[in-house]
Amino acid sequence: MLLHIDVVDGDTFTRDEDGLEFMSLDEACAAVVALLPELAREAVHGPRRRAAMLRERERIIAAEIRDPAGAVLFRTRLRLDMEWSAPQR
């Protein structure tokens, strides 16, 4: 089955125009849930990205699965909360 996976990382939205073939919706959901930690690792890779991320209080990375007609079949998100115990310099 052809499904589209859209991703939101902070303020960046990436729409999947091409789609991917999956054997089932369950397979697609498992793939999307496994994708979020990888996207989080990419978000903190490199000193500039890491420094920018640490200035935030939270970071949300989300994904949704759409069918070819555009109906959202599944949503998942990963949220990273950052709380400082002392004032930032």
N, C-alpha and C. Protein backbone atom coordinates (compact mmCIF):
# COMPACT_ATOMS: atom_id res chain seq x y z
N MET A 1 0.84 -1.17 0.00
CA MET A 1 0.00 0.00 0.00
C MET A 1 0.89 1.24 0.00
N LEU A 2 0.50 2.23 -0.79
CA LEU A 2 1.25 3.47 -0.89
C LEU A 2 0.81 4.42 0.22
N LEU A 3 1.78 4.88 1.01
CA LEU A 3 1.50 5.81 2.10
C LEU A 3 2.54 6.93 2.09
N HIS A 4 2.14 8.08 2.59
CA HIS A 4 3.01 9.26 2.64
C HIS A 4 3.35 9.55 4.10
N ILE A 5 4.62 9.89 4.35
CA ILE A 5 5.07 10.22 5.69
C ILE A 5 5.54 11.66 5.71
N ASP A 6 4.79 12.51 6.41
CA ASP A 6 5.16 13.92 6.57
C ASP A 6 5.84 14.09 7.92
N VAL A 7 6.84 14.98 7.98
CA VAL A 7 7.62 15.17 9.20
C VAL A 7 7.65 16.65 9.57
N VAL A 8 7.50 16.91 10.87
CA VAL A 8 7.65 18.26 11.42
C VAL A 8 8.78 18.20 12.44
N ASP A 9 9.80 19.02 12.24
CA ASP A 9 10.92 19.11 13.17
C ASP A 9 11.04 20.58 13.56
N GLY A 10 10.54 20.91 14.75
CA GLY A 10 10.51 22.31 15.16
C GLY A 10 9.61 23.09 14.23
N ASP A 11 10.17 24.07 13.54
CA ASP A 11 9.40 24.89 12.59
C ASP A 11 9.49 24.40 11.16
N THR A 12 10.16 23.29 10.94
CA THR A 12 10.37 22.78 9.58
C THR A 12 9.39 21.65 9.27
N PHE A 13 8.60 21.84 8.20
CA PHE A 13 7.64 20.83 7.75
C PHE A 13 8.14 20.24 6.45
N THR A 14 8.22 18.91 6.38
CA THR A 14 8.62 18.22 5.16
C THR A 14 7.47 17.33 4.71
N ARG A 15 6.92 17.64 3.56
CA ARG A 15 5.79 16.88 3.01
C ARG A 15 6.31 15.82 2.05
N ASP A 16 5.86 14.60 2.24
CA ASP A 16 6.24 13.48 1.38
C ASP A 16 5.32 13.47 0.16
N GLU A 17 5.85 13.89 -0.97
CA GLU A 17 5.05 13.93 -2.20
C GLU A 17 5.01 12.60 -2.92
N ASP A 18 6.06 11.79 -2.76
CA ASP A 18 6.17 10.55 -3.52
C ASP A 18 5.52 9.35 -2.85
N GLY A 19 5.65 9.25 -1.54
CA GLY A 19 5.11 8.12 -0.82
C GLY A 19 6.04 6.92 -0.84
N LEU A 20 5.72 5.97 0.00
CA LEU A 20 6.49 4.72 0.11
C LEU A 20 5.51 3.55 0.13
N GLU A 21 5.98 2.42 -0.35
CA GLU A 21 5.15 1.21 -0.33
C GLU A 21 5.38 0.44 0.96
N PHE A 22 4.30 0.05 1.61
CA PHE A 22 4.34 -0.76 2.82
C PHE A 22 3.40 -1.94 2.64
N MET A 23 3.69 -3.02 3.34
CA MET A 23 2.83 -4.20 3.29
C MET A 23 1.52 -3.96 4.04
N SER A 24 1.60 -3.11 5.10
CA SER A 24 0.42 -2.86 5.92
C SER A 24 0.59 -1.52 6.64
N LEU A 25 -0.48 -1.03 7.20
CA LEU A 25 -0.42 0.19 8.00
C LEU A 25 0.42 -0.05 9.26
N ASP A 26 0.32 -1.23 9.85
CA ASP A 26 1.13 -1.55 11.03
C ASP A 26 2.62 -1.43 10.72
N GLU A 27 3.04 -1.93 9.57
CA GLU A 27 4.45 -1.83 9.17
C GLU A 27 4.86 -0.37 9.02
N ALA A 28 4.01 0.43 8.43
CA ALA A 28 4.30 1.86 8.25
C ALA A 28 4.39 2.57 9.60
N CYS A 29 3.48 2.26 10.51
CA CYS A 29 3.50 2.88 11.84
C CYS A 29 4.78 2.54 12.59
N ALA A 30 5.19 1.28 12.53
CA ALA A 30 6.43 0.87 13.20
C ALA A 30 7.63 1.60 12.60
N ALA A 31 7.64 1.78 11.30
CA ALA A 31 8.74 2.49 10.63
C ALA A 31 8.79 3.95 11.06
N VAL A 32 7.64 4.57 11.18
CA VAL A 32 7.58 5.98 11.57
C VAL A 32 8.01 6.17 13.02
N VAL A 33 7.57 5.29 13.90
CA VAL A 33 7.97 5.38 15.31
C VAL A 33 9.48 5.19 15.43
N ALA A 34 10.06 4.28 14.67
CA ALA A 34 11.51 4.07 14.69
C ALA A 34 12.27 5.25 14.07
N LEU A 35 11.64 5.98 13.18
CA LEU A 35 12.27 7.13 12.52
C LEU A 35 12.49 8.31 13.47
N LEU A 36 11.59 8.53 14.41
CA LEU A 36 11.67 9.71 15.27
C LEU A 36 12.97 9.80 16.08
N PRO A 37 13.43 8.74 16.73
CA PRO A 37 14.71 8.86 17.44
C PRO A 37 15.88 9.17 16.50
N GLU A 38 15.84 8.64 15.30
CA GLU A 38 16.90 8.96 14.32
C GLU A 38 16.87 10.43 13.96
N LEU A 39 15.68 10.99 13.77
CA LEU A 39 15.56 12.41 13.48
C LEU A 39 16.04 13.26 14.65
N ALA A 40 15.78 12.80 15.87
CA ALA A 40 16.25 13.53 17.06
C ALA A 40 17.78 13.52 17.11
N ARG A 41 18.40 12.40 16.78
CA ARG A 41 19.87 12.34 16.75
C ARG A 41 20.42 13.32 15.72
N GLU A 42 19.79 13.40 14.56
CA GLU A 42 20.22 14.34 13.53
C GLU A 42 20.06 15.78 14.01
N ALA A 43 19.03 16.04 14.80
CA ALA A 43 18.77 17.40 15.28
C ALA A 43 19.87 17.91 16.20
N VAL A 44 20.56 17.02 16.89
CA VAL A 44 21.61 17.45 17.81
C VAL A 44 23.01 17.17 17.26
N HIS A 45 23.09 16.69 16.03
CA HIS A 45 24.39 16.39 15.43
C HIS A 45 25.05 17.70 14.99
N GLY A 46 26.27 17.90 15.40
CA GLY A 46 27.01 19.09 14.99
C GLY A 46 26.89 20.20 16.02
N PRO A 47 27.95 20.96 16.23
CA PRO A 47 27.97 21.97 17.30
C PRO A 47 26.96 23.10 17.11
N ARG A 48 26.76 23.56 15.88
CA ARG A 48 25.80 24.66 15.70
C ARG A 48 24.37 24.20 15.97
N ARG A 49 24.01 23.04 15.47
CA ARG A 49 22.66 22.52 15.71
C ARG A 49 22.43 22.28 17.20
N ARG A 50 23.40 21.68 17.85
CA ARG A 50 23.28 21.39 19.28
C ARG A 50 23.15 22.69 20.07
N ALA A 51 23.96 23.70 19.76
CA ALA A 51 23.89 24.98 20.47
C ALA A 51 22.53 25.63 20.26
N ALA A 52 22.01 25.59 19.05
CA ALA A 52 20.70 26.19 18.77
C ALA A 52 19.61 25.44 19.52
N MET A 53 19.71 24.12 19.56
CA MET A 53 18.69 23.33 20.23
C MET A 53 18.69 23.60 21.73
N LEU A 54 19.87 23.77 22.33
CA LEU A 54 19.94 23.99 23.77
C LEU A 54 19.41 25.36 24.19
N ARG A 55 19.23 26.26 23.25
CA ARG A 55 18.62 27.56 23.57
C ARG A 55 17.10 27.45 23.70
N GLU A 56 16.54 26.36 23.23
CA GLU A 56 15.09 26.16 23.27
C GLU A 56 14.69 25.54 24.61
N ARG A 57 13.41 25.65 24.95
CA ARG A 57 12.89 24.98 26.15
C ARG A 57 12.31 23.61 25.79
N GLU A 58 11.85 23.48 24.57
CA GLU A 58 11.36 22.18 24.12
C GLU A 58 11.58 22.04 22.63
N ARG A 59 11.64 20.80 22.21
CA ARG A 59 11.77 20.49 20.78
C ARG A 59 10.83 19.35 20.50
N ILE A 60 9.98 19.52 19.51
CA ILE A 60 9.03 18.47 19.13
C ILE A 60 9.33 18.04 17.71
N ILE A 61 9.49 16.74 17.55
CA ILE A 61 9.65 16.14 16.23
C ILE A 61 8.46 15.20 16.05
N ALA A 62 7.72 15.41 14.99
CA ALA A 62 6.49 14.64 14.79
C ALA A 62 6.43 14.10 13.36
N ALA A 63 5.65 13.06 13.20
CA ALA A 63 5.43 12.49 11.88
C ALA A 63 3.99 12.01 11.78
N GLU A 64 3.47 12.05 10.56
CA GLU A 64 2.13 11.50 10.34
C GLU A 64 2.13 10.73 9.04
N ILE A 65 1.26 9.75 9.01
CA ILE A 65 1.10 8.91 7.82
C ILE A 65 -0.21 9.28 7.15
N ARG A 66 -0.12 9.56 5.85
CA ARG A 66 -1.31 9.90 5.06
C ARG A 66 -1.52 8.85 3.97
N ASP A 67 -2.79 8.65 3.62
CA ASP A 67 -3.06 7.81 2.45
C ASP A 67 -2.99 8.70 1.21
N PRO A 68 -3.06 8.13 0.00
CA PRO A 68 -2.94 8.95 -1.21
C PRO A 68 -4.02 10.03 -1.34
N ALA A 69 -5.15 9.85 -0.68
CA ALA A 69 -6.22 10.85 -0.73
C ALA A 69 -5.97 12.00 0.26
N GLY A 70 -4.98 11.83 1.13
CA GLY A 70 -4.65 12.89 2.08
C GLY A 70 -5.18 12.68 3.49
N ALA A 71 -5.90 11.61 3.72
CA ALA A 71 -6.43 11.34 5.06
C ALA A 71 -5.29 10.90 5.98
N VAL A 72 -5.20 11.50 7.16
CA VAL A 72 -4.18 11.13 8.14
C VAL A 72 -4.62 9.86 8.85
N LEU A 73 -3.78 8.84 8.79
CA LEU A 73 -4.09 7.53 9.37
C LEU A 73 -3.41 7.30 10.72
N PHE A 74 -2.30 8.01 10.95
CA PHE A 74 -1.51 7.79 12.16
C PHE A 74 -0.65 9.01 12.42
N ARG A 75 -0.50 9.38 13.70
CA ARG A 75 0.39 10.47 14.10
C ARG A 75 1.23 10.01 15.29
N THR A 76 2.46 10.47 15.35
CA THR A 76 3.33 10.22 16.49
C THR A 76 4.24 11.42 16.67
N ARG A 77 4.67 11.63 17.92
CA ARG A 77 5.61 12.73 18.14
C ARG A 77 6.54 12.39 19.29
N LEU A 78 7.70 13.02 19.22
CA LEU A 78 8.73 12.88 20.23
C LEU A 78 9.00 14.27 20.76
N ARG A 79 8.95 14.41 22.08
CA ARG A 79 9.10 15.73 22.69
C ARG A 79 10.29 15.71 23.64
N LEU A 80 11.17 16.67 23.48
CA LEU A 80 12.32 16.83 24.35
C LEU A 80 12.11 18.13 25.13
N ASP A 81 12.00 18.01 26.46
CA ASP A 81 11.86 19.18 27.33
C ASP A 81 13.21 19.49 27.95
N MET A 82 13.55 20.77 27.99
CA MET A 82 14.81 21.20 28.60
C MET A 82 14.49 22.22 29.68
N GLU A 83 14.96 21.97 30.87
CA GLU A 83 14.70 22.85 32.01
C GLU A 83 16.02 23.19 32.67
N TRP A 84 16.28 24.47 32.83
CA TRP A 84 17.54 24.92 33.43
C TRP A 84 17.33 25.19 34.90
N SER A 85 18.22 24.68 35.75
CA SER A 85 18.10 24.90 37.20
C SER A 85 18.71 26.23 37.61
N ALA A 86 19.56 26.80 36.79
CA ALA A 86 20.17 28.10 37.06
C ALA A 86 20.00 28.98 35.82
N PRO A 87 20.04 30.29 36.00
CA PRO A 87 19.91 31.17 34.83
C PRO A 87 20.99 30.87 33.79
N GLN A 88 20.60 30.90 32.55
CA GLN A 88 21.57 30.68 31.46
C GLN A 88 22.48 31.87 31.34
N ARG A 89 23.71 31.62 30.95
CA ARG A 89 24.67 32.71 30.76
C ARG A 89 24.52 33.32 29.40
